Amino acid sequence: MSKQRDAPAVRGAQSGDEPVGRDETTGAVVETVPVLPPVRPLAHRLLDLSLDLLGAAGWTWMAVAVPLPAISEYLTVKNVVIAFVAIVWVGRAIVDTFFYDRHP
């Protein structure tokens, strides 16, 4: 017999799967299929996205509306930084909503 047939199968073995090897009763090679996590419905993902966008809009409005007399000469820089942070926050919320399952 070849060494390859005697070796246990390791294809598809991931953490959380059952151990891969030979079945003691039949001698057949046992392989497991990776178990995928359940996918949340699109409505829940859109609800998370809308809450994230509402939070980003609220924090952005508050950061722009609150006067900071200590840095009044740098007001344009403050607004540019706030706009940049808001754009990154919204982009991250969109990517997290459609490409990653945040609540397993």
N, C-alpha and C. Protein backbone atom coordinates (compact mmCIF):
# COMPACT_ATOMS: atom_id res chain seq x y z
N MET A 1 0.84 -1.18 0.00
CA MET A 1 0.00 0.00 0.00
C MET A 1 0.88 1.24 0.00
N SER A 2 0.33 2.30 -0.60
CA SER A 2 1.11 3.52 -0.65
C SER A 2 0.96 4.28 0.65
N LYS A 3 1.92 5.12 0.93
CA LYS A 3 1.89 5.91 2.15
C LYS A 3 0.77 6.94 2.11
N GLN A 4 0.42 7.40 0.92
CA GLN A 4 -0.60 8.42 0.81
C GLN A 4 -1.97 7.88 1.20
N ARG A 5 -2.28 6.64 0.87
CA ARG A 5 -3.57 6.07 1.24
C ARG A 5 -3.66 5.82 2.74
N ASP A 6 -2.53 5.52 3.38
CA ASP A 6 -2.54 5.24 4.81
C ASP A 6 -2.60 6.50 5.65
N ALA A 7 -2.20 7.64 5.08
CA ALA A 7 -2.18 8.89 5.84
C ALA A 7 -3.60 9.39 6.05
N PRO A 8 -3.88 9.99 7.22
CA PRO A 8 -5.22 10.53 7.45
C PRO A 8 -5.47 11.73 6.54
N ALA A 9 -6.72 11.92 6.19
CA ALA A 9 -7.09 13.03 5.32
C ALA A 9 -7.10 14.32 6.11
N VAL A 10 -6.55 15.37 5.53
CA VAL A 10 -6.53 16.66 6.21
C VAL A 10 -7.25 17.73 5.40
N ARG A 11 -7.78 17.36 4.23
CA ARG A 11 -8.51 18.35 3.44
C ARG A 11 -9.75 18.78 4.18
N GLY A 12 -9.98 20.08 4.24
CA GLY A 12 -11.20 20.60 4.85
C GLY A 12 -11.19 20.64 6.36
N ALA A 13 -10.10 20.23 6.97
CA ALA A 13 -10.06 20.24 8.44
C ALA A 13 -9.80 21.66 8.91
N GLN A 14 -10.68 22.15 9.72
CA GLN A 14 -10.52 23.48 10.29
C GLN A 14 -10.81 23.40 11.78
N SER A 15 -10.47 24.48 12.47
CA SER A 15 -10.77 24.48 13.89
C SER A 15 -12.27 24.42 14.08
N GLY A 16 -12.71 23.66 15.03
CA GLY A 16 -14.13 23.51 15.30
C GLY A 16 -14.73 22.30 14.60
N ASP A 17 -14.01 21.71 13.63
CA ASP A 17 -14.50 20.51 12.97
C ASP A 17 -14.19 19.30 13.83
N GLU A 18 -14.81 18.21 13.47
CA GLU A 18 -14.49 16.96 14.15
C GLU A 18 -13.11 16.51 13.70
N PRO A 19 -12.44 15.69 14.51
CA PRO A 19 -11.12 15.22 14.10
C PRO A 19 -11.20 14.40 12.83
N VAL A 20 -10.15 14.50 12.02
CA VAL A 20 -10.10 13.78 10.76
C VAL A 20 -9.19 12.58 10.94
N GLY A 21 -9.57 11.45 10.40
CA GLY A 21 -8.74 10.25 10.50
C GLY A 21 -9.51 9.05 9.99
N ARG A 22 -9.12 7.88 10.43
CA ARG A 22 -9.78 6.65 9.99
C ARG A 22 -10.86 6.24 10.98
N ASP A 23 -11.97 5.78 10.42
CA ASP A 23 -13.03 5.23 11.25
C ASP A 23 -12.58 3.85 11.72
N GLU A 24 -12.68 3.61 13.02
CA GLU A 24 -12.16 2.34 13.55
C GLU A 24 -13.00 1.14 13.14
N THR A 25 -14.29 1.32 12.90
CA THR A 25 -15.13 0.17 12.57
C THR A 25 -15.01 -0.25 11.11
N THR A 26 -14.93 0.71 10.20
CA THR A 26 -14.90 0.34 8.78
C THR A 26 -13.52 0.52 8.16
N GLY A 27 -12.67 1.34 8.75
CA GLY A 27 -11.35 1.58 8.19
C GLY A 27 -11.36 2.64 7.10
N ALA A 28 -12.52 3.24 6.86
CA ALA A 28 -12.61 4.26 5.82
C ALA A 28 -12.08 5.59 6.35
N VAL A 29 -11.61 6.39 5.45
CA VAL A 29 -11.12 7.72 5.81
C VAL A 29 -12.32 8.63 6.01
N VAL A 30 -12.36 9.28 7.17
CA VAL A 30 -13.46 10.17 7.50
C VAL A 30 -13.03 11.60 7.25
N GLU A 31 -13.81 12.34 6.49
CA GLU A 31 -13.55 13.75 6.24
C GLU A 31 -14.77 14.54 6.71
N THR A 32 -14.51 15.69 7.28
CA THR A 32 -15.62 16.51 7.75
C THR A 32 -15.83 17.68 6.81
N VAL A 33 -17.03 18.18 6.79
CA VAL A 33 -17.36 19.35 6.00
C VAL A 33 -17.39 20.54 6.95
N PRO A 34 -16.70 21.63 6.62
CA PRO A 34 -16.72 22.79 7.51
C PRO A 34 -18.16 23.31 7.69
N VAL A 35 -18.48 23.66 8.91
CA VAL A 35 -19.81 24.17 9.22
C VAL A 35 -19.78 25.69 9.10
N LEU A 36 -20.66 26.22 8.26
CA LEU A 36 -20.72 27.66 8.07
C LEU A 36 -21.64 28.27 9.11
N PRO A 37 -21.30 29.47 9.60
CA PRO A 37 -22.17 30.11 10.58
C PRO A 37 -23.47 30.55 9.90
N PRO A 38 -24.55 30.66 10.66
CA PRO A 38 -25.81 31.10 10.04
C PRO A 38 -25.70 32.55 9.56
N VAL A 39 -26.32 32.81 8.44
CA VAL A 39 -26.29 34.16 7.86
C VAL A 39 -27.51 34.92 8.34
N ARG A 40 -27.27 36.14 8.81
CA ARG A 40 -28.37 36.96 9.29
C ARG A 40 -29.13 37.54 8.11
N PRO A 41 -30.43 37.76 8.26
CA PRO A 41 -31.22 38.32 7.17
C PRO A 41 -30.76 39.74 6.81
N LEU A 42 -31.06 40.13 5.59
CA LEU A 42 -30.66 41.44 5.10
C LEU A 42 -31.32 42.56 5.90
N ALA A 43 -32.53 42.33 6.38
CA ALA A 43 -33.23 43.37 7.15
C ALA A 43 -32.47 43.72 8.43
N HIS A 44 -31.90 42.73 9.09
CA HIS A 44 -31.12 43.00 10.31
C HIS A 44 -29.84 43.75 9.98
N ARG A 45 -29.22 43.39 8.86
CA ARG A 45 -28.00 44.09 8.47
C ARG A 45 -28.30 45.55 8.12
N LEU A 46 -29.42 45.78 7.43
CA LEU A 46 -29.78 47.16 7.09
C LEU A 46 -30.16 47.96 8.33
N LEU A 47 -30.75 47.31 9.31
CA LEU A 47 -31.05 47.99 10.58
C LEU A 47 -29.75 48.40 11.26
N ASP A 48 -28.77 47.51 11.29
CA ASP A 48 -27.46 47.85 11.86
C ASP A 48 -26.82 49.00 11.09
N LEU A 49 -26.91 48.97 9.76
CA LEU A 49 -26.34 50.04 8.95
C LEU A 49 -27.02 51.37 9.25
N SER A 50 -28.35 51.36 9.35
CA SER A 50 -29.05 52.62 9.61
C SER A 50 -28.71 53.17 11.00
N LEU A 51 -28.55 52.30 11.97
CA LEU A 51 -28.16 52.76 13.31
C LEU A 51 -26.74 53.32 13.31
N ASP A 52 -25.84 52.68 12.56
CA ASP A 52 -24.48 53.19 12.45
C ASP A 52 -24.45 54.55 11.77
N LEU A 53 -25.24 54.70 10.70
CA LEU A 53 -25.28 55.98 9.99
C LEU A 53 -25.90 57.06 10.85
N LEU A 54 -26.92 56.71 11.63
CA LEU A 54 -27.53 57.68 12.54
C LEU A 54 -26.51 58.12 13.60
N GLY A 55 -25.76 57.19 14.13
CA GLY A 55 -24.72 57.54 15.11
C GLY A 55 -23.64 58.41 14.50
N ALA A 56 -23.20 58.08 13.29
CA ALA A 56 -22.18 58.89 12.63
C ALA A 56 -22.69 60.30 12.36
N ALA A 57 -23.94 60.41 11.91
CA ALA A 57 -24.50 61.73 11.64
C ALA A 57 -24.64 62.55 12.92
N GLY A 58 -25.07 61.90 13.99
CA GLY A 58 -25.22 62.61 15.27
C GLY A 58 -23.90 63.12 15.82
N TRP A 59 -22.90 62.25 15.83
CA TRP A 59 -21.59 62.67 16.33
C TRP A 59 -20.96 63.74 15.44
N THR A 60 -21.16 63.63 14.13
CA THR A 60 -20.60 64.63 13.21
C THR A 60 -21.28 65.98 13.43
N TRP A 61 -22.60 65.98 13.53
CA TRP A 61 -23.31 67.24 13.77
C TRP A 61 -22.88 67.87 15.08
N MET A 62 -22.77 67.05 16.13
CA MET A 62 -22.37 67.59 17.42
C MET A 62 -20.94 68.14 17.37
N ALA A 63 -20.04 67.46 16.70
CA ALA A 63 -18.66 67.93 16.63
C ALA A 63 -18.55 69.23 15.84
N VAL A 64 -19.37 69.40 14.81
CA VAL A 64 -19.33 70.63 14.03
C VAL A 64 -20.02 71.76 14.78
N ALA A 65 -21.12 71.46 15.48
CA ALA A 65 -21.93 72.50 16.12
C ALA A 65 -21.32 73.03 17.41
N VAL A 66 -20.55 72.23 18.12
CA VAL A 66 -19.99 72.67 19.40
C VAL A 66 -18.85 73.65 19.13
N PRO A 67 -18.96 74.87 19.65
CA PRO A 67 -17.88 75.83 19.44
C PRO A 67 -16.69 75.54 20.36
N LEU A 68 -15.53 75.65 19.80
CA LEU A 68 -14.30 75.45 20.57
C LEU A 68 -13.49 76.75 20.49
N PRO A 69 -13.64 77.65 21.46
CA PRO A 69 -12.95 78.94 21.37
C PRO A 69 -11.43 78.82 21.44
N ALA A 70 -10.93 77.75 22.02
CA ALA A 70 -9.48 77.61 22.14
C ALA A 70 -8.81 77.42 20.79
N ILE A 71 -9.53 76.83 19.84
CA ILE A 71 -8.92 76.58 18.52
C ILE A 71 -9.71 77.30 17.42
N SER A 72 -10.20 78.49 17.69
CA SER A 72 -11.02 79.22 16.71
C SER A 72 -10.25 79.54 15.43
N GLU A 73 -8.95 79.76 15.52
CA GLU A 73 -8.18 80.06 14.31
C GLU A 73 -7.95 78.82 13.45
N TYR A 74 -8.14 77.63 14.03
CA TYR A 74 -7.98 76.38 13.28
C TYR A 74 -9.33 75.75 12.95
N LEU A 75 -10.38 76.56 12.84
CA LEU A 75 -11.72 76.04 12.65
C LEU A 75 -11.86 75.28 11.34
N THR A 76 -11.24 75.75 10.28
CA THR A 76 -11.35 75.03 9.00
C THR A 76 -10.66 73.67 9.08
N VAL A 77 -9.57 73.58 9.78
CA VAL A 77 -8.88 72.29 9.93
C VAL A 77 -9.74 71.34 10.75
N LYS A 78 -10.39 71.86 11.79
CA LYS A 78 -11.27 71.03 12.61
C LYS A 78 -12.40 70.45 11.75
N ASN A 79 -13.01 71.28 10.91
CA ASN A 79 -14.11 70.80 10.08
C ASN A 79 -13.66 69.79 9.04
N VAL A 80 -12.47 69.98 8.50
CA VAL A 80 -11.93 69.01 7.53
C VAL A 80 -11.68 67.67 8.21
N VAL A 81 -11.11 67.70 9.41
CA VAL A 81 -10.85 66.46 10.15
C VAL A 81 -12.16 65.77 10.50
N ILE A 82 -13.16 66.52 10.91
CA ILE A 82 -14.46 65.94 11.23
C ILE A 82 -15.09 65.30 9.99
N ALA A 83 -15.01 65.98 8.85
CA ALA A 83 -15.56 65.42 7.61
C ALA A 83 -14.83 64.14 7.22
N PHE A 84 -13.50 64.13 7.35
CA PHE A 84 -12.73 62.93 7.02
C PHE A 84 -13.12 61.76 7.92
N VAL A 85 -13.22 62.02 9.22
CA VAL A 85 -13.60 60.96 10.16
C VAL A 85 -15.00 60.45 9.85
N ALA A 86 -15.92 61.34 9.52
CA ALA A 86 -17.28 60.92 9.20
C ALA A 86 -17.32 60.06 7.94
N ILE A 87 -16.55 60.42 6.91
CA ILE A 87 -16.51 59.62 5.68
C ILE A 87 -15.93 58.24 5.95
N VAL A 88 -14.86 58.16 6.72
CA VAL A 88 -14.26 56.86 7.07
C VAL A 88 -15.24 56.03 7.89
N TRP A 89 -15.94 56.66 8.83
CA TRP A 89 -16.91 55.96 9.68
C TRP A 89 -18.05 55.38 8.84
N VAL A 90 -18.58 56.16 7.91
CA VAL A 90 -19.68 55.67 7.07
C VAL A 90 -19.19 54.55 6.15
N GLY A 91 -18.01 54.70 5.57
CA GLY A 91 -17.46 53.65 4.72
C GLY A 91 -17.23 52.36 5.47
N ARG A 92 -16.72 52.48 6.67
CA ARG A 92 -16.49 51.28 7.48
C ARG A 92 -17.81 50.62 7.86
N ALA A 93 -18.83 51.42 8.15
CA ALA A 93 -20.15 50.86 8.48
C ALA A 93 -20.73 50.10 7.29
N ILE A 94 -20.56 50.65 6.09
CA ILE A 94 -21.08 49.97 4.90
C ILE A 94 -20.34 48.66 4.64
N VAL A 95 -19.02 48.69 4.73
CA VAL A 95 -18.23 47.47 4.50
C VAL A 95 -18.54 46.43 5.57
N ASP A 96 -18.61 46.83 6.82
CA ASP A 96 -18.92 45.89 7.90
C ASP A 96 -20.31 45.29 7.74
N THR A 97 -21.25 46.07 7.25
CA THR A 97 -22.62 45.58 7.13
C THR A 97 -22.75 44.53 6.05
N PHE A 98 -22.14 44.74 4.90
CA PHE A 98 -22.36 43.84 3.78
C PHE A 98 -21.32 42.74 3.63
N PHE A 99 -20.15 42.87 4.25
CA PHE A 99 -19.10 41.88 4.04
C PHE A 99 -18.68 41.12 5.29
N TYR A 100 -19.08 41.57 6.48
CA TYR A 100 -18.70 40.88 7.70
C TYR A 100 -19.91 40.69 8.58
N ASP A 101 -19.99 39.53 9.22
CA ASP A 101 -21.09 39.27 10.15
C ASP A 101 -20.61 39.67 11.54
N ARG A 102 -21.08 40.82 12.02
CA ARG A 102 -20.57 41.38 13.27
C ARG A 102 -21.16 40.71 14.50
N HIS A 103 -22.33 40.11 14.36
CA HIS A 103 -23.00 39.52 15.51
C HIS A 103 -23.23 38.04 15.23
N PRO A 104 -22.27 37.21 15.57
CA PRO A 104 -22.43 35.77 15.25
C PRO A 104 -23.49 35.08 16.04
